[in-house]
Amino acid sequence: MSIIRKTYYFIVFLGFYLGKLISANLYIAWDILTPRMRTNPGIIEVDVNLSSAFGTLLLSNLVSMTPGTLSMDLDRDRNKLLVHLLYMDRKEATKKEIEGIMHRIRLITE
């Protein structure tokens, strides 16, 4: 039964992530094509609440694949992830999105 549940969560996660990826790409494209760039780059620190190394690897790769964010560094204890943002004014929303990704990764990997 566990494999069925994890497969279900993986399919739901894939749909969620693809939706986020498409919307982020459209947002970046819109920002590039408009006359005024709205970028405000900066670096944030995100708490990582994943127990598996694979989950942490998956999180850092998925954050880097999303336009406007880039995983920069992970501390030795794997508790903090440094993320570069193009839009610091969306810092709290981005943190919530990363927490949502972590929750979905936890459902798949644990």
Protein backbone atom coordinates (compact mmCIF):
# COMPACT_ATOMS: atom_id res chain seq x y z
CA MET A 1 0.00 0.00 0.00
CA SER A 2 2.89 2.35 0.72
CA ILE A 3 4.22 2.14 -2.84
CA ILE A 4 0.79 3.09 -4.21
CA ARG A 5 0.61 6.08 -1.87
CA LYS A 6 4.13 7.24 -2.77
CA THR A 7 3.39 6.83 -6.48
CA TYR A 8 0.27 8.94 -6.05
CA TYR A 9 2.19 11.65 -4.17
CA PHE A 10 4.91 11.58 -6.85
CA ILE A 11 2.36 12.14 -9.64
CA VAL A 12 0.71 14.97 -7.66
CA PHE A 13 4.16 16.47 -6.98
CA LEU A 14 5.10 16.28 -10.65
CA GLY A 15 1.94 18.15 -11.64
CA PHE A 16 2.51 20.76 -8.92
CA TYR A 17 6.11 21.33 -9.90
CA LEU A 18 5.44 21.51 -13.64
CA GLY A 19 2.74 24.11 -12.98
CA LYS A 20 5.13 26.19 -10.86
CA LEU A 21 7.89 25.84 -13.45
CA ILE A 22 5.65 27.05 -16.30
CA SER A 23 4.28 30.00 -14.32
CA ALA A 24 7.77 31.07 -13.20
CA ASN A 25 9.08 30.89 -16.77
CA LEU A 26 6.18 33.03 -17.99
CA TYR A 27 6.84 35.56 -15.22
CA ILE A 28 10.54 35.81 -16.13
CA ALA A 29 9.72 36.11 -19.84
CA TRP A 30 7.20 38.86 -19.10
CA ASP A 31 9.79 40.73 -17.02
CA ILE A 32 12.38 40.46 -19.78
CA LEU A 33 10.02 41.60 -22.52
CA THR A 34 8.66 44.63 -20.67
CA PRO A 35 10.57 47.91 -20.96
CA ARG A 36 11.48 48.09 -17.26
CA MET A 37 13.24 45.24 -15.46
CA ARG A 38 11.81 44.59 -12.01
CA THR A 39 14.66 42.49 -10.66
CA ASN A 40 15.88 43.09 -7.16
CA PRO A 41 18.44 40.33 -6.49
CA GLY A 42 19.41 39.06 -3.09
CA ILE A 43 20.21 35.99 -1.03
CA ILE A 44 17.97 34.28 1.52
CA GLU A 45 18.51 31.42 3.93
CA VAL A 46 15.93 28.63 4.03
CA ASP A 47 15.60 26.04 6.78
CA VAL A 48 15.77 22.50 5.36
CA ASN A 49 13.55 20.01 7.20
CA LEU A 50 14.34 16.88 5.21
CA SER A 51 15.87 13.78 6.78
CA SER A 52 17.09 12.04 3.62
CA ALA A 53 20.09 13.09 1.57
CA PHE A 54 18.14 12.29 -1.60
CA GLY A 55 15.35 14.64 -0.51
CA THR A 56 17.85 17.43 0.11
CA LEU A 57 19.45 16.82 -3.28
CA LEU A 58 16.05 16.85 -4.95
CA LEU A 59 15.13 20.10 -3.19
CA SER A 60 18.30 21.92 -4.20
CA ASN A 61 17.96 20.77 -7.81
CA LEU A 62 14.29 21.73 -8.05
CA VAL A 63 14.97 25.16 -6.55
CA SER A 64 17.73 25.71 -9.11
CA MET A 65 15.51 24.61 -12.00
CA THR A 66 12.89 27.22 -11.16
CA PRO A 67 13.56 30.55 -12.91
CA GLY A 68 14.41 33.37 -10.55
CA THR A 69 15.99 31.13 -7.90
CA LEU A 70 19.31 29.35 -7.59
CA SER A 71 20.57 27.08 -4.82
CA MET A 72 23.97 28.37 -3.77
CA ASP A 73 25.15 26.47 -0.71
CA LEU A 74 24.09 23.98 1.92
CA ASP A 75 25.64 24.06 5.38
CA ARG A 76 27.53 21.06 6.78
CA ASP A 77 24.60 19.90 8.89
CA ARG A 78 22.21 20.13 5.90
CA ASN A 79 19.91 22.41 7.88
CA LYS A 80 20.23 25.67 5.92
CA LEU A 81 20.11 26.28 2.17
CA LEU A 82 21.30 29.57 0.68
CA VAL A 83 19.12 30.61 -2.25
CA HIS A 84 19.76 33.48 -4.68
CA LEU A 85 16.59 35.30 -5.69
CA LEU A 86 15.99 37.66 -8.60
CA TYR A 87 13.02 39.23 -6.82
CA MET A 88 13.69 39.99 -3.15
CA ASP A 89 10.30 41.67 -2.86
CA ARG A 90 8.83 38.15 -3.22
CA LYS A 91 11.07 36.73 -0.47
CA GLU A 92 8.31 35.49 1.84
CA ALA A 93 6.27 34.01 -1.02
CA THR A 94 9.36 32.21 -2.30
CA LYS A 95 10.11 30.81 1.16
CA LYS A 96 6.55 29.48 1.39
CA GLU A 97 6.87 27.90 -2.06
CA ILE A 98 10.13 26.20 -1.06
CA GLU A 99 8.47 24.95 2.15
CA GLY A 100 5.63 23.56 0.02
CA ILE A 101 8.16 21.77 -2.18
CA MET A 102 9.85 20.36 0.94
CA HIS A 103 6.53 19.08 2.26
CA ARG A 104 5.81 17.29 -1.01
CA ILE A 105 9.35 15.86 -1.14
CA ARG A 106 8.86 14.56 2.41
CA LEU A 107 5.71 12.74 1.28
CA ILE A 108 7.67 11.02 -1.49
CA THR A 109 10.96 10.21 0.26
CA GLU A 110 9.99 9.41 3.85
